[in-house]
Amino acid sequence: MDLKLKGKKAFISGSTQGIGFAIAQQLLEEGVSVTINGRQESKTKQAKKKLQNQFPNAEISAVSADFTKKDEVENLLQKLTDIDILINNVGIFGIEEFQNINDQDWYNYFEINVMSSVRLSRKLFPQMLNKNWGRIIFISSESGVNVPQNMIHYGMTKAAISAIANGLSKLTKGTEVTVNTVLGGPTYTDGVSKVVEHIAGAQNLEIEQMKNAIIQQSNPHILLQRFIRPNEIANLVSYLSSPLSIATNGASLRADSGVLKTI
């Protein structure tokens, strides 16, 4: 299917690996000019080189920025011009019992997972309205709806960005701009794979055995009966980025393989 995205320009926060990188790959496949972003300059450059090897004729840019450092964020914002598609993807996650999450941890999670999307959207949303076309997509999680008891700080941030997206969508009335949220399910990202590999090694199990055990313990009713792959989230994001998705606005769309029972 031709998503009619050729000539569009996209910025994807947190896109040197995992879901963000998979989104970059799919948008490049559709002829989009893509700017990727990572916290570390070296890793960002490596990701850009990998994409250039895959798509030698594509227009690819890379800007490193640590979203906990306001000067780096300001530098990033100044470099973003004429962006048609904003993918708010950057985020951190971790398992921690509620009583052990200190104030600084709460602030760090909010700063990176929530304020990154606020600052990017605040810069790019008015430009999209002015030219009467644009897409803003927030990468949230089923954890923002069914908040895990040992990831309350993470779940809070995912609920917050869904709320921001909902409010922003109401400001697009009568335009060709849309704002949507994707609620991803358990996805085998690079970060997750490192944790799984570590646990598998400690328990002397094969990685696939460990993956299956984790899914059966944490999400036994997932319809895929396995972790979701990053490109399977990117498929939905690519469609939402396209002109074909104009009737989908203000929506929270699930790519969770049935993990959520209600929404």
Protein backbone atom coordinates (compact mmCIF):
# COMPACT_ATOMS: atom_id res chain seq x y z
CA MET A 1 0.00 0.00 0.00
CA ASP A 2 1.23 3.49 -0.87
CA LEU A 3 0.79 5.57 2.29
CA LYS A 4 1.30 8.77 0.26
CA LEU A 5 4.08 9.96 2.54
CA LYS A 6 6.76 10.79 -0.01
CA GLY A 7 8.21 14.22 0.60
CA LYS A 8 7.06 14.48 4.23
CA LYS A 9 9.51 15.27 7.04
CA ALA A 10 9.46 13.44 10.37
CA PHE A 11 11.17 13.79 13.72
CA ILE A 12 11.24 10.80 16.08
CA SER A 13 12.45 11.28 19.64
CA GLY A 14 14.32 8.38 21.20
CA SER A 15 14.90 6.60 17.92
CA THR A 16 18.35 5.00 18.03
CA GLN A 17 16.87 1.61 18.93
CA GLY A 18 13.67 -0.25 19.67
CA ILE A 19 10.29 1.10 18.63
CA GLY A 20 11.65 4.50 17.60
CA PHE A 21 14.24 2.96 15.29
CA ALA A 22 11.62 0.64 13.77
CA ILE A 23 9.39 3.64 13.09
CA ALA A 24 12.30 5.42 11.40
CA GLN A 25 12.88 2.39 9.17
CA GLN A 26 9.27 2.19 8.07
CA LEU A 27 8.91 5.91 7.41
CA LEU A 28 12.11 5.87 5.35
CA GLU A 29 10.70 2.93 3.40
CA GLU A 30 7.72 5.18 2.58
CA GLY A 31 9.94 7.99 1.28
CA VAL A 32 9.85 10.24 4.35
CA SER A 33 12.81 12.43 5.28
CA VAL A 34 13.61 11.38 8.83
CA THR A 35 15.46 13.00 11.71
CA ILE A 36 16.36 10.59 14.47
CA ASN A 37 17.36 11.40 18.02
CA GLY A 38 19.28 9.79 20.84
CA ARG A 39 20.76 10.81 24.16
CA GLN A 40 24.37 9.97 23.27
CA GLU A 41 26.03 11.50 20.21
CA SER A 42 28.05 8.38 19.37
CA LYS A 43 25.04 6.08 19.52
CA THR A 44 22.96 8.53 17.49
CA LYS A 45 25.61 8.62 14.78
CA GLN A 46 25.80 4.82 14.74
CA ALA A 47 22.04 4.57 14.31
CA LYS A 48 22.14 7.08 11.46
CA LYS A 49 24.90 5.11 9.74
CA LYS A 50 22.89 1.90 10.06
CA LEU A 51 19.86 3.57 8.49
CA GLN A 52 21.99 5.04 5.70
CA ASN A 53 23.29 1.58 4.88
CA GLN A 54 19.71 0.30 4.67
CA PHE A 55 18.37 3.30 2.75
CA PRO A 56 21.30 4.78 0.78
CA ASN A 57 19.09 7.18 -1.20
CA ALA A 58 17.08 8.47 1.76
CA GLU A 59 17.36 11.83 3.50
CA ILE A 60 18.39 11.07 7.10
CA SER A 61 19.43 13.50 9.81
CA ALA A 62 20.45 12.88 13.41
CA VAL A 63 20.39 15.19 16.43
CA SER A 64 21.56 14.06 19.86
CA ALA A 65 19.83 15.54 22.89
CA ASP A 66 19.50 14.48 26.50
CA PHE A 67 15.98 15.44 27.55
CA THR A 68 17.12 16.01 31.14
CA LYS A 69 19.36 18.88 29.95
CA LYS A 70 17.47 22.01 28.98
CA ASP A 71 20.31 23.49 26.92
CA GLU A 72 20.45 20.37 24.74
CA VAL A 73 16.68 20.42 24.36
CA GLU A 74 16.74 24.08 23.32
CA ASN A 75 19.44 23.31 20.76
CA LEU A 76 17.33 20.46 19.40
CA LEU A 77 14.21 22.62 19.13
CA GLN A 78 16.07 25.27 17.16
CA LYS A 79 17.11 22.66 14.60
CA LEU A 80 13.58 21.37 14.00
CA THR A 81 11.92 23.28 11.19
CA ASP A 82 9.14 22.38 8.77
CA ILE A 83 8.40 19.05 10.45
CA ASP A 84 5.26 17.32 9.18
CA ILE A 85 5.26 14.32 11.51
CA LEU A 86 6.26 14.32 15.17
CA ILE A 87 6.62 10.99 16.93
CA ASN A 88 6.88 11.48 20.70
CA ASN A 89 8.59 8.22 21.57
CA VAL A 90 11.47 8.93 23.97
CA GLY A 91 11.04 7.39 27.40
CA ILE A 92 12.64 5.52 30.26
CA PHE A 93 11.23 2.63 32.24
CA GLY A 94 12.17 0.53 35.21
CA ILE A 95 10.80 -1.78 37.87
CA GLU A 96 10.68 -0.36 41.39
CA GLU A 97 8.47 -0.77 44.42
CA PHE A 98 6.41 2.33 45.18
CA GLN A 99 7.94 2.99 48.60
CA ASN A 100 11.42 3.02 47.05
CA ILE A 101 10.69 5.63 44.37
CA ASN A 102 12.12 8.90 45.67
CA ASP A 103 11.14 12.42 44.63
CA GLN A 104 14.02 12.79 42.18
CA ASP A 105 13.03 9.58 40.41
CA TRP A 106 9.49 10.90 39.99
CA TYR A 107 10.81 14.17 38.59
CA ASN A 108 13.22 12.40 36.21
CA TYR A 109 10.49 10.17 34.79
CA PHE A 110 8.18 13.15 34.34
CA GLU A 111 10.91 15.28 32.77
CA ILE A 112 11.92 12.69 30.17
CA ASN A 113 8.68 10.84 29.46
CA VAL A 114 6.23 13.73 29.65
CA MET A 115 7.97 17.10 29.30
CA SER A 116 9.90 15.93 26.22
CA SER A 117 6.61 15.55 24.35
CA VAL A 118 5.25 18.80 25.77
CA ARG A 119 8.25 20.82 24.56
CA LEU A 120 8.38 19.18 21.14
CA SER A 121 4.65 19.52 20.58
CA ARG A 122 4.62 23.13 21.80
CA LYS A 123 7.25 23.97 19.18
CA LEU A 124 5.88 22.01 16.22
CA PHE A 125 2.10 21.95 16.72
CA PRO A 126 1.55 25.65 15.84
CA GLN A 127 3.61 25.21 12.66
CA MET A 128 1.42 22.30 11.62
CA LEU A 129 -1.74 24.31 12.24
CA ASN A 130 -0.36 27.21 10.19
CA LYS A 131 0.24 25.02 7.14
CA ASN A 132 -2.94 23.01 7.79
CA TRP A 133 -1.25 19.61 7.80
CA GLY A 134 0.56 17.56 10.38
CA ARG A 135 0.68 14.44 12.48
CA ILE A 136 1.59 14.14 16.16
CA ILE A 137 1.73 10.63 17.55
CA PHE A 138 2.42 9.83 21.19
CA ILE A 139 3.87 6.39 21.91
CA SER A 140 2.18 5.39 25.14
CA SER A 141 1.67 1.97 26.69
CA GLU A 142 -0.96 -0.34 28.07
CA SER A 143 0.82 0.38 31.36
CA GLY A 144 -0.70 3.85 31.26
CA VAL A 145 -4.16 2.27 31.53
CA ASN A 146 -3.48 -0.87 33.57
CA VAL A 147 -0.69 0.54 35.74
CA PRO A 148 1.71 -2.16 37.02
CA GLN A 149 2.11 -2.20 40.79
CA ASN A 150 5.90 -2.17 40.47
CA MET A 151 6.04 0.51 37.74
CA ILE A 152 3.66 3.16 39.08
CA HIS A 153 6.02 6.01 38.18
CA TYR A 154 6.27 4.76 34.59
CA GLY A 155 2.54 4.15 34.28
CA MET A 156 1.86 7.67 35.54
CA THR A 157 3.89 9.19 32.70
CA LYS A 158 2.15 7.09 30.06
CA ALA A 159 -1.26 8.10 31.39
CA ALA A 160 -0.12 11.73 31.32
CA ILE A 161 0.93 11.74 27.66
CA SER A 162 -2.37 10.17 26.68
CA ALA A 163 -4.09 13.08 28.41
CA ILE A 164 -1.90 15.62 26.60
CA ALA A 165 -2.66 14.02 23.24
CA ASN A 166 -6.37 14.03 23.98
CA GLY A 167 -6.33 17.73 24.79
CA LEU A 168 -4.20 18.68 21.78
CA SER A 169 -6.50 16.83 19.39
CA LYS A 170 -9.33 19.19 20.37
CA LEU A 171 -7.29 22.10 19.04
CA THR A 172 -7.17 20.61 15.51
CA LYS A 173 -10.85 21.08 14.70
CA GLY A 174 -11.37 21.97 11.04
CA THR A 175 -7.76 21.27 10.05
CA GLU A 176 -5.75 18.50 8.40
CA VAL A 177 -3.73 18.04 11.60
CA THR A 178 -4.29 14.94 13.75
CA VAL A 179 -3.07 13.92 17.19
CA ASN A 180 -3.25 10.30 18.31
CA THR A 181 -1.83 7.94 20.90
CA VAL A 182 -0.59 4.39 20.38
CA LEU A 183 -0.90 2.08 23.36
CA GLY A 184 1.77 -0.56 22.89
CA GLY A 185 1.74 -3.90 24.65
CA PRO A 186 4.71 -5.95 25.91
CA THR A 187 7.32 -5.26 23.23
CA TYR A 188 10.72 -6.90 22.84
CA THR A 189 12.80 -3.74 22.62
CA ASP A 190 16.56 -3.52 23.08
CA GLY A 191 16.10 -2.51 26.71
CA VAL A 192 13.80 -5.43 27.41
CA SER A 193 16.11 -7.86 25.62
CA LYS A 194 19.03 -6.90 27.88
CA VAL A 195 16.95 -7.60 30.97
CA VAL A 196 15.72 -10.93 29.57
CA GLU A 197 19.22 -12.00 28.57
CA HIS A 198 20.53 -11.15 32.04
CA ILE A 199 17.81 -13.14 33.79
CA ALA A 200 18.20 -16.05 31.36
CA GLY A 201 21.93 -16.18 32.04
CA ALA A 202 21.40 -16.11 35.80
CA GLN A 203 18.89 -18.97 35.58
CA ASN A 204 20.85 -20.93 32.97
CA LEU A 205 17.97 -20.86 30.48
CA GLU A 206 17.80 -20.29 26.74
CA ILE A 207 16.66 -16.78 25.85
CA GLU A 208 13.53 -18.04 24.06
CA GLN A 209 12.62 -20.12 27.11
CA MET A 210 13.03 -17.04 29.30
CA LYS A 211 10.95 -14.88 26.96
CA ASN A 212 8.14 -17.41 26.97
CA ALA A 213 8.28 -17.78 30.74
CA ILE A 214 8.10 -14.04 31.29
CA ILE A 215 5.14 -13.64 28.93
CA GLN A 216 3.26 -16.52 30.53
CA GLN A 217 3.87 -15.10 33.98
CA SER A 218 3.19 -11.41 33.28
CA ASN A 219 0.71 -11.51 30.37
CA PRO A 220 -0.61 -15.07 29.94
CA HIS A 221 -3.68 -13.85 28.03
CA ILE A 222 -1.75 -11.94 25.33
CA LEU A 223 -3.26 -13.14 22.08
CA LEU A 224 0.03 -13.39 20.21
CA GLN A 225 1.40 -15.60 23.02
CA ARG A 226 4.75 -13.85 22.62
CA PHE A 227 6.34 -10.42 22.89
CA ILE A 228 5.27 -7.88 20.29
CA ARG A 229 8.05 -6.91 17.87
CA PRO A 230 8.97 -3.21 17.47
CA ASN A 231 8.08 -3.23 13.77
CA GLU A 232 4.58 -4.41 14.67
CA ILE A 233 4.08 -1.19 16.62
CA ALA A 234 5.70 0.78 13.80
CA ASN A 235 3.15 -0.57 11.31
CA LEU A 236 0.35 1.27 13.07
CA VAL A 237 2.42 4.41 13.58
CA SER A 238 3.25 4.57 9.87
CA TYR A 239 -0.42 4.44 8.95
CA LEU A 240 -1.30 7.13 11.50
CA SER A 241 1.46 9.30 10.01
CA SER A 242 -0.09 9.16 6.57
CA PRO A 243 -2.75 11.27 4.82
CA LEU A 244 -4.88 8.09 4.67
CA SER A 245 -5.51 8.33 8.44
CA ILE A 246 -7.23 11.74 8.37
CA ALA A 247 -10.43 10.39 9.97
CA THR A 248 -8.49 9.03 12.95
CA ASN A 249 -7.97 11.90 15.38
CA GLY A 250 -8.03 12.16 19.16
CA ALA A 251 -7.84 8.38 19.42
CA SER A 252 -5.96 6.00 21.70
CA LEU A 253 -5.26 3.02 19.49
CA ARG A 254 -4.21 -0.29 20.93
CA ALA A 255 -1.30 -2.33 19.60
CA ASP A 256 -1.31 -4.57 22.64
CA SER A 257 -2.49 -7.95 21.30
CA GLY A 258 -5.44 -8.03 23.65
CA VAL A 259 -3.53 -7.32 26.88
CA LEU A 260 -5.99 -4.59 27.83
CA LYS A 261 -9.46 -5.85 28.56
CA THR A 262 -11.12 -2.44 28.76
CA ILE A 263 -10.30 1.11 27.66
